Amino acid sequence: MLFARRVTMSEMINNREYRQKILKELIGELHEGKSVEEVKARFADLIEGVAATEISEMEQALINEGMPVEEVQRLCDVHAAVFKGSIEEIHRPVNEAEIPGHPVHTFKEENRALEALISEKLLPAVKAAESKDSGEYTGPLSNIFKELWEIDKHYSRKENLLFPYMEKYDITAPPKVMWGVDDEIRAQIKEVLTLLKDGSADKKETLEKAAATGDRILEMIFKEENILFPMVLETLTEDEWVEIEKASDEIGYCLYKPVMRWLPMGSGASGEKQNPKVEKAAGYVHFDAGYMLPEEINALLNTLPIDMTFVDKNGEVKYFSQGKERIFARPKTIIGRQVSNCHPPASAHIVEGIVADLMSGKKDHEDFWIKMGDKYVYIRYFAVRNAKGEYLGTVEVSQDIKPIQEITGEKRLVE
């Protein structure tokens, strides 16, 4: 009977749902104030191994049950330390991601470069600075932290390329938590650079914060490679990785640049998963980057704080926006009318000349600015061309720029 009971307990401990329940309890205990050592002891007794996806599910469950994202973020470093031993035991093949050029391979190579920068430059510089005067240590350490700021590109690719795909698969908690920590690290780097620039800053405080920043970056590297990357490799399709790879150049890289472009070993999509959020229903207008309903497009264009009129390649007025505060009155009767007939005879030839220059390729845009009562109106004409460079028409954009000219100082998003 004793042996039979042990088997039952083992089965229960290995049960995914039961283990998920225990993981949530452990985080809850940490939240309530228990020490890391207390939780570690219970964790060692009850959990033999935990997959990265289960950590994701645990965080998501806590948020769904009402725990603020900020609380999960506060616990992030603590539970990473608790789970570290178990996560390191996971050995999951990632052959495709080991190919140079694959986004995950690039992320990992950047992490190796960051680790080298911290261990070979940052920490030795902090140690050496302890015996130097301010003028001697601030310069070299500032150069290291300017180099370290390249991490912003690493985090930006993660936040703007990986996180959107995760959210499409309803994996929302890990991105929110990780993005918050990324921003904290960015703030730490900026703070150290400010202290190094300030000749009166306390040396001991500056060096402590410099070393702490390095430690925080190393902790994030661990979380990426043991939680984030296994999770996205398990979730995203081959085609989605191709799109991520294509978009990476625009954001840039951190201390490393892939030496070759990555293409999947197959001939296209894996076919194993479909993005659950992609709408293929009739009625959507598909763009180079996204899709919208006609109602959404119309409302969006009417919301923009500009007047916009489109004239096709034949000189026919096809569209104009109808914002709340229009600069130039336009009746709907001009739709289908030749643009040259929409202007007084005295100025019609000027409009025709502008359109001719845009159509021929002599110019890509033409700008004018005039005062109209209390408005200062900026009028711009742009040639609209397709991907082959063929002329499709001209768009006129008008805006009252007086309120923009009066802007001073700063107003940040957090305000």
Protein backbone atom coordinates (compact mmCIF):
# COMPACT_ATOMS: atom_id res chain seq x y z
CA MET A 1 0.00 0.00 0.00
CA LEU A 2 2.88 2.33 0.79
CA PHE A 3 4.41 1.73 -2.65
CA ALA A 4 1.05 2.27 -4.33
CA ARG A 5 0.59 5.56 -2.50
CA ARG A 6 4.02 6.76 -3.62
CA VAL A 7 3.11 6.11 -7.25
CA THR A 8 -0.12 8.04 -6.82
CA MET A 9 1.71 11.01 -5.31
CA SER A 10 4.30 10.91 -8.09
CA GLU A 11 1.57 10.92 -10.72
CA MET A 12 -0.10 13.84 -8.98
CA ILE A 13 3.14 15.82 -8.75
CA ASN A 14 3.82 15.26 -12.43
CA ASN A 15 0.28 16.20 -13.37
CA ARG A 16 0.45 19.40 -15.40
CA GLU A 17 -2.64 21.00 -13.87
CA TYR A 18 -1.57 20.20 -10.34
CA ARG A 19 1.92 21.53 -10.97
CA GLN A 20 0.45 24.70 -12.45
CA LYS A 21 -1.62 25.13 -9.29
CA ILE A 22 1.49 24.73 -7.11
CA LEU A 23 3.45 27.23 -9.19
CA LYS A 24 0.72 29.83 -8.72
CA GLU A 25 0.68 29.12 -5.00
CA LEU A 26 4.45 29.62 -4.81
CA ILE A 27 4.23 33.02 -6.49
CA GLY A 28 1.32 33.89 -4.25
CA GLU A 29 3.40 33.04 -1.17
CA LEU A 30 6.23 35.24 -2.42
CA HIS A 31 3.70 38.00 -2.97
CA GLU A 32 2.52 37.63 0.61
CA GLY A 33 6.05 38.04 1.95
CA LYS A 34 7.57 34.58 2.32
CA SER A 35 11.32 34.41 1.80
CA VAL A 36 12.90 33.03 -1.33
CA GLU A 37 14.52 30.26 0.70
CA GLU A 38 11.16 29.14 2.11
CA VAL A 39 9.66 28.95 -1.34
CA LYS A 40 12.73 27.23 -2.76
CA ALA A 41 12.41 24.47 -0.17
CA ARG A 42 8.81 23.76 -1.08
CA PHE A 43 9.61 24.02 -4.75
CA ALA A 44 12.39 21.41 -4.44
CA ASP A 45 10.06 19.02 -2.61
CA LEU A 46 7.11 19.25 -4.96
CA ILE A 47 8.43 20.16 -8.43
CA GLU A 48 10.92 18.07 -10.36
CA GLY A 49 10.97 20.21 -13.53
CA VAL A 50 9.06 23.06 -15.10
CA ALA A 51 8.71 24.07 -18.74
CA ALA A 52 9.01 27.67 -19.88
CA THR A 53 5.44 27.65 -21.19
CA GLU A 54 4.15 26.78 -17.71
CA ILE A 55 5.79 29.89 -16.27
CA SER A 56 3.99 31.89 -18.95
CA GLU A 57 0.67 30.25 -18.06
CA MET A 58 1.29 30.90 -14.38
CA GLU A 59 1.92 34.63 -14.92
CA GLN A 60 -1.09 34.90 -17.19
CA ALA A 61 -3.29 33.12 -14.62
CA LEU A 62 -2.17 35.49 -11.84
CA ILE A 63 -3.01 38.53 -13.96
CA ASN A 64 -6.34 37.04 -15.03
CA GLU A 65 -7.19 36.50 -11.37
CA GLY A 66 -6.62 40.16 -10.59
CA MET A 67 -2.96 40.56 -9.64
CA PRO A 68 -1.68 43.82 -11.20
CA VAL A 69 0.98 43.48 -13.89
CA GLU A 70 3.23 45.69 -11.75
CA GLU A 71 3.09 43.11 -8.96
CA VAL A 72 4.09 40.29 -11.30
CA GLN A 73 6.86 42.51 -12.60
CA ARG A 74 8.06 43.16 -9.06
CA LEU A 75 8.20 39.40 -8.49
CA CYS A 76 9.90 38.71 -11.79
CA ASP A 77 13.48 38.66 -10.50
CA VAL A 78 12.49 36.64 -7.44
CA HIS A 79 10.64 33.87 -9.22
CA ALA A 80 13.35 33.71 -11.90
CA ALA A 81 15.82 32.90 -9.13
CA VAL A 82 13.43 30.29 -7.69
CA PHE A 83 12.89 28.54 -11.00
CA LYS A 84 16.43 28.85 -12.30
CA GLY A 85 17.63 25.41 -11.29
CA SER A 86 14.70 23.64 -12.90
CA ILE A 87 14.70 25.66 -16.10
CA GLU A 88 18.37 24.91 -16.66
CA GLU A 89 17.55 21.21 -16.72
CA ILE A 90 15.33 21.65 -19.79
CA HIS A 91 17.12 20.60 -22.96
CA ARG A 92 14.99 21.30 -25.93
CA PRO A 93 16.26 21.01 -29.53
CA VAL A 94 16.25 24.32 -31.35
CA ASN A 95 18.06 23.33 -34.54
CA GLU A 96 16.41 25.93 -36.76
CA ALA A 97 17.16 28.69 -34.26
CA GLU A 98 20.84 27.68 -34.20
CA ILE A 99 21.24 28.63 -37.86
CA PRO A 100 23.01 32.01 -38.29
CA GLY A 101 20.54 34.68 -39.34
CA HIS A 102 17.56 33.19 -37.53
CA PRO A 103 16.14 35.89 -35.23
CA VAL A 104 16.68 33.79 -32.10
CA HIS A 105 20.27 33.03 -33.13
CA THR A 106 20.82 36.77 -33.58
CA PHE A 107 19.30 37.54 -30.18
CA LYS A 108 21.60 34.97 -28.55
CA GLU A 109 24.70 36.28 -30.32
CA GLU A 110 23.85 39.75 -29.09
CA ASN A 111 23.52 38.32 -25.59
CA ARG A 112 27.00 36.78 -25.88
CA ALA A 113 28.34 40.20 -26.93
CA LEU A 114 26.57 41.87 -23.99
CA GLU A 115 27.97 39.28 -21.56
CA ALA A 116 31.46 39.91 -22.93
CA LEU A 117 31.05 43.68 -22.63
CA ILE A 118 29.95 43.34 -19.02
CA SER A 119 32.56 40.78 -17.92
CA GLU A 120 35.51 42.06 -19.93
CA LYS A 121 34.97 45.82 -19.81
CA LEU A 122 32.25 47.00 -17.43
CA LEU A 123 33.09 45.06 -14.28
CA PRO A 124 36.90 45.51 -14.65
CA ALA A 125 36.34 49.24 -15.21
CA VAL A 126 34.20 49.46 -12.06
CA LYS A 127 36.88 47.62 -10.08
CA ALA A 128 39.68 49.81 -11.44
CA ALA A 129 37.68 52.98 -10.78
CA GLU A 130 37.66 52.30 -7.05
CA SER A 131 41.25 53.54 -6.83
CA LYS A 132 41.00 56.39 -9.34
CA ASP A 133 39.91 60.00 -9.20
CA SER A 134 36.67 61.11 -10.84
CA GLY A 135 38.40 62.56 -13.87
CA GLU A 136 40.21 59.30 -14.52
CA TYR A 137 37.34 56.81 -14.33
CA THR A 138 34.28 58.67 -15.65
CA GLY A 139 35.51 58.92 -19.25
CA PRO A 140 36.24 55.21 -19.85
CA LEU A 141 33.11 54.10 -17.97
CA SER A 142 30.97 56.56 -19.94
CA ASN A 143 32.24 55.06 -23.20
CA ILE A 144 31.32 51.58 -21.97
CA PHE A 145 27.80 52.66 -21.03
CA LYS A 146 27.33 54.43 -24.37
CA GLU A 147 28.24 51.13 -26.00
CA LEU A 148 25.89 49.35 -23.60
CA TRP A 149 23.02 51.58 -24.75
CA GLU A 150 23.01 49.55 -27.98
CA ILE A 151 20.87 47.17 -25.92
CA ASP A 152 17.95 49.46 -26.74
CA LYS A 153 17.90 47.94 -30.25
CA HIS A 154 17.90 44.40 -28.83
CA TYR A 155 14.97 45.23 -26.57
CA SER A 156 13.14 47.16 -29.31
CA ARG A 157 13.27 44.18 -31.67
CA LYS A 158 12.01 41.94 -28.88
CA GLU A 159 9.17 44.31 -27.98
CA ASN A 160 8.11 45.27 -31.50
CA LEU A 161 8.69 42.00 -33.37
CA LEU A 162 8.31 39.11 -30.90
CA PHE A 163 5.71 40.51 -28.52
CA PRO A 164 3.05 41.30 -31.18
CA TYR A 165 3.09 37.67 -32.37
CA MET A 166 2.91 36.40 -28.79
CA GLU A 167 -0.13 38.59 -28.16
CA LYS A 168 -1.84 37.18 -31.28
CA TYR A 169 -1.62 33.78 -29.59
CA ASP A 170 -3.06 35.28 -26.36
CA ILE A 171 0.33 35.18 -24.60
CA THR A 172 0.01 38.61 -23.01
CA ALA A 173 1.42 38.49 -19.48
CA PRO A 174 5.11 37.71 -20.24
CA PRO A 175 5.43 40.56 -22.77
CA LYS A 176 3.95 43.09 -20.33
CA VAL A 177 6.20 41.98 -17.50
CA MET A 178 9.35 41.76 -19.61
CA TRP A 179 8.76 45.11 -21.34
CA GLY A 180 8.47 46.74 -17.93
CA VAL A 181 11.81 45.29 -16.86
CA ASP A 182 13.40 46.31 -20.18
CA ASP A 183 12.36 49.90 -19.51
CA GLU A 184 13.78 49.73 -16.00
CA ILE A 185 17.14 48.61 -17.44
CA ARG A 186 17.05 51.41 -20.01
CA ALA A 187 16.40 53.87 -17.18
CA GLN A 188 19.33 52.44 -15.17
CA ILE A 189 21.73 52.90 -18.10
CA LYS A 190 20.58 56.49 -18.58
CA GLU A 191 20.90 57.18 -14.86
CA VAL A 192 24.50 55.91 -14.77
CA LEU A 193 25.39 58.00 -17.83
CA THR A 194 23.91 61.06 -16.10
CA LEU A 195 25.88 60.37 -12.91
CA LEU A 196 29.09 59.91 -14.89
CA LYS A 197 28.51 63.21 -16.67
CA ASP A 198 27.87 65.00 -13.37
CA GLY A 199 31.27 65.81 -11.90
CA SER A 200 29.80 66.18 -8.40
CA ALA A 201 28.08 62.76 -8.31
CA ASP A 202 29.00 60.42 -5.47
CA LYS A 203 31.63 57.98 -6.73
CA LYS A 204 30.54 55.03 -4.57
CA GLU A 205 26.89 55.40 -5.58
CA THR A 206 27.82 55.69 -9.26
CA LEU A 207 29.96 52.55 -9.24
CA GLU A 208 27.35 50.56 -7.32
CA LYS A 209 24.67 51.52 -9.83
CA ALA A 210 26.97 50.72 -12.75
CA ALA A 211 27.62 47.20 -11.41
CA ALA A 212 23.94 46.70 -10.56
CA THR A 213 23.00 47.60 -14.14
CA GLY A 214 25.32 44.93 -15.45
CA ASP A 215 23.74 42.37 -13.10
CA ARG A 216 20.25 43.35 -14.21
CA ILE A 217 21.15 42.88 -17.86
CA LEU A 218 22.58 39.42 -17.14
CA GLU A 219 19.35 38.49 -15.33
CA MET A 220 17.33 39.55 -18.37
CA ILE A 221 19.58 37.47 -20.64
CA PHE A 222 18.77 34.44 -18.49
CA LYS A 223 15.04 35.11 -18.71
CA GLU A 224 15.17 35.55 -22.46
CA GLU A 225 17.08 32.38 -23.14
CA ASN A 226 15.33 30.12 -20.66
CA ILE A 227 11.78 31.47 -20.73
CA LEU A 228 11.10 33.76 -23.69
CA PHE A 229 12.96 32.08 -26.55
CA PRO A 230 11.76 28.51 -25.82
CA MET A 231 8.22 29.88 -25.58
CA VAL A 232 8.26 31.69 -28.93
CA LEU A 233 10.07 28.85 -30.71
CA GLU A 234 7.32 26.54 -29.55
CA THR A 235 4.55 28.93 -30.64
CA LEU A 236 5.44 30.91 -33.76
CA THR A 237 5.19 29.53 -37.30
CA GLU A 238 7.98 29.42 -39.83
CA ASP A 239 6.40 32.20 -41.88
CA GLU A 240 6.19 34.40 -38.80
CA TRP A 241 9.91 33.94 -38.16
CA VAL A 242 10.55 34.94 -41.78
CA GLU A 243 8.58 38.17 -41.23
CA ILE A 244 10.48 38.88 -38.01
CA GLU A 245 13.79 38.35 -39.77
CA LYS A 246 12.78 40.69 -42.61
CA ALA A 247 11.74 43.45 -40.19
CA SER A 248 14.84 43.23 -37.99
CA ASP A 249 17.13 45.38 -40.15
CA GLU A 250 14.84 48.40 -39.82
CA ILE A 251 15.23 48.45 -36.02
CA GLY A 252 18.91 47.50 -35.95
CA TYR A 253 21.16 45.24 -33.91
CA CYS A 254 23.10 45.32 -30.65
CA LEU A 255 26.90 44.78 -30.74
CA TYR A 256 26.41 42.07 -33.39
CA LYS A 257 25.03 41.94 -36.91
CA PRO A 258 23.97 38.72 -38.64
CA VAL A 259 26.43 37.78 -41.37
CA MET A 260 23.80 36.17 -43.59
CA ARG A 261 20.08 36.20 -44.25
CA TRP A 262 18.08 33.33 -42.80
CA LEU A 263 15.67 31.31 -44.88
CA PRO A 264 13.73 28.34 -43.49
CA MET A 265 14.86 24.89 -44.50
CA GLY A 266 11.38 24.25 -45.93
CA SER A 267 9.85 26.02 -48.89
CA GLY A 268 7.43 28.22 -46.98
CA ALA A 269 4.99 28.03 -44.09
CA SER A 270 5.18 25.02 -41.82
CA GLY A 271 1.44 24.55 -42.11
CA GLU A 272 1.29 23.31 -38.55
CA LYS A 273 -0.23 26.46 -37.04
CA GLN A 274 -2.38 29.29 -38.23
CA ASN A 275 -2.43 32.70 -36.63
CA PRO A 276 -5.73 32.68 -34.72
CA LYS A 277 -6.15 36.46 -34.98
CA VAL A 278 -5.72 36.88 -38.75
CA GLU A 279 -9.06 37.88 -40.25
CA LYS A 280 -9.73 36.49 -43.72
CA ALA A 281 -13.42 37.35 -43.83
CA ALA A 282 -14.81 39.22 -46.83
CA GLY A 283 -14.98 42.98 -46.54
CA TYR A 284 -11.48 43.67 -45.25
CA VAL A 285 -9.08 45.86 -47.20
CA HIS A 286 -5.58 44.41 -46.96
CA PHE A 287 -2.52 46.68 -46.85
CA ASP A 288 1.23 46.07 -46.95
CA ALA A 289 1.09 46.06 -43.16
CA GLY A 290 -2.32 45.05 -41.85
CA TYR A 291 -6.00 45.09 -42.79
CA MET A 292 -9.02 47.24 -41.98
CA LEU A 293 -12.70 47.45 -42.65
CA PRO A 294 -13.84 50.25 -45.02
CA GLU A 295 -15.70 51.86 -42.11
CA GLU A 296 -12.50 51.91 -40.08
CA ILE A 297 -10.51 53.40 -42.97
CA ASN A 298 -13.05 56.18 -43.52
CA ALA A 299 -13.21 57.03 -39.82
CA LEU A 300 -9.42 56.97 -39.52
CA LEU A 301 -8.88 59.37 -42.43
CA ASN A 302 -11.56 61.74 -41.10
CA THR A 303 -9.90 61.70 -37.68
CA LEU A 304 -6.48 62.83 -38.90
CA PRO A 305 -5.86 66.54 -38.17
CA ILE A 306 -5.29 67.30 -41.86
CA ASP A 307 -7.24 67.97 -45.06
CA MET A 308 -6.43 65.36 -47.69
CA THR A 309 -7.52 65.23 -51.35
CA PHE A 310 -6.56 62.58 -53.90
CA VAL A 311 -6.49 63.15 -57.65
CA ASP A 312 -5.87 60.08 -59.84
CA LYS A 313 -3.41 59.82 -62.77
CA ASN A 314 -6.06 61.08 -65.17
CA GLY A 315 -6.55 64.29 -63.17
CA GLU A 316 -9.90 63.21 -61.73
CA VAL A 317 -10.74 64.05 -58.11
CA LYS A 318 -11.39 60.70 -56.44
CA TYR A 319 -11.48 61.44 -52.72
CA PHE A 320 -11.22 64.05 -50.00
CA SER A 321 -11.28 63.64 -46.23
CA GLN A 322 -13.97 65.21 -44.07
CA GLY A 323 -12.39 66.11 -40.76
CA LYS A 324 -14.12 68.16 -38.08
CA GLU A 325 -12.04 71.29 -38.67
CA ARG A 326 -11.58 71.73 -42.41
CA ILE A 327 -9.23 74.34 -43.86
CA PHE A 328 -10.62 74.41 -47.40
CA ALA A 329 -14.30 73.84 -48.11
CA ARG A 330 -14.95 71.09 -50.63
CA PRO A 331 -18.44 70.04 -51.79
CA LYS A 332 -19.00 66.42 -52.72
CA THR A 333 -19.92 67.59 -56.23
CA ILE A 334 -16.18 67.83 -57.07
CA ILE A 335 -15.85 64.03 -56.93
CA GLY A 336 -15.26 62.88 -60.50
CA ARG A 337 -14.40 66.38 -61.67
CA GLN A 338 -11.12 67.30 -63.39
CA VAL A 339 -8.84 68.98 -60.87
CA SER A 340 -8.03 71.80 -63.28
CA ASN A 341 -11.72 72.74 -63.29
CA CYS A 342 -11.77 72.97 -59.47
CA HIS A 343 -9.57 76.09 -59.44
CA PRO A 344 -10.04 79.64 -60.74
CA PRO A 345 -8.71 80.12 -64.29
CA ALA A 346 -5.96 82.39 -62.95
CA SER A 347 -4.43 79.59 -60.85
CA ALA A 348 -5.45 76.49 -62.82
CA HIS A 349 -2.22 76.48 -64.84
CA ILE A 350 -0.19 76.47 -61.60
CA VAL A 351 -1.99 73.38 -60.35
CA GLU A 352 -1.55 71.69 -63.72
CA GLY A 353 2.17 72.48 -63.64
CA ILE A 354 2.56 70.96 -60.18
CA VAL A 355 0.74 67.80 -61.23
CA ALA A 356 2.79 67.56 -64.43
CA ASP A 357 6.07 67.75 -62.46
CA LEU A 358 4.90 65.07 -60.03
CA MET A 359 3.61 62.84 -62.82
CA SER A 360 6.84 63.07 -64.85
CA GLY A 361 9.04 62.32 -61.86
CA LYS A 362 10.72 65.73 -61.99
CA LYS A 363 9.55 66.22 -58.43
CA ASP A 364 8.21 63.97 -55.68
CA HIS A 365 6.56 66.77 -53.71
CA GLU A 366 5.90 70.49 -53.71
CA ASP A 367 5.25 72.60 -50.60
CA PHE A 368 3.54 75.96 -49.93
CA TRP A 369 2.65 77.88 -46.76
CA ILE A 370 0.24 80.78 -46.39
CA LYS A 371 -1.43 82.81 -43.64
CA MET A 372 -5.21 82.58 -43.50
CA GLY A 373 -6.66 84.67 -40.67
CA ASP A 374 -5.44 83.12 -37.43
CA LYS A 375 -4.21 80.02 -39.24
CA TYR A 376 -0.79 79.32 -40.73
CA VAL A 377 -1.55 76.76 -43.43
CA TYR A 378 1.05 74.30 -44.73
CA ILE A 379 0.01 72.83 -48.11
CA ARG A 380 1.90 69.86 -49.55
CA TYR A 381 1.48 67.95 -52.80
CA PHE A 382 2.92 64.43 -53.07
CA ALA A 383 3.24 62.09 -56.03
CA VAL A 384 1.59 58.75 -55.23
CA ARG A 385 3.44 55.84 -56.85
CA ASN A 386 3.12 52.08 -56.64
CA ALA A 387 5.87 49.62 -55.75
CA LYS A 388 7.13 49.74 -59.37
CA GLY A 389 7.40 53.54 -59.24
CA GLU A 390 4.46 54.04 -61.58
CA TYR A 391 2.46 57.25 -61.06
CA LEU A 392 -1.01 56.66 -59.60
CA GLY A 393 -2.00 60.23 -58.76
CA THR A 394 -1.39 63.20 -56.50
CA VAL A 395 -2.40 63.74 -52.89
CA GLU A 396 -2.80 67.23 -51.43
CA VAL A 397 -2.30 67.51 -47.67
CA SER A 398 -3.13 70.74 -45.83
CA GLN A 399 -2.65 71.46 -42.13
CA ASP A 400 -2.81 74.42 -39.75
CA ILE A 401 0.71 74.36 -38.29
CA LYS A 402 0.36 77.41 -36.03
CA PRO A 403 -0.44 75.27 -32.92
CA ILE A 404 2.60 73.12 -33.71
CA GLN A 405 4.89 76.15 -34.02
CA GLU A 406 3.77 77.31 -30.58
CA ILE A 407 4.85 74.09 -28.85
CA THR A 408 7.74 74.50 -26.38
CA GLY A 409 9.44 72.27 -23.84
CA GLU A 410 8.46 68.64 -23.50
CA LYS A 411 5.41 66.58 -22.63
CA ARG A 412 6.24 62.93 -22.22
CA LEU A 413 3.91 59.96 -22.51
CA VAL A 414 4.19 59.18 -18.79
CA GLU A 415 2.82 62.64 -17.97
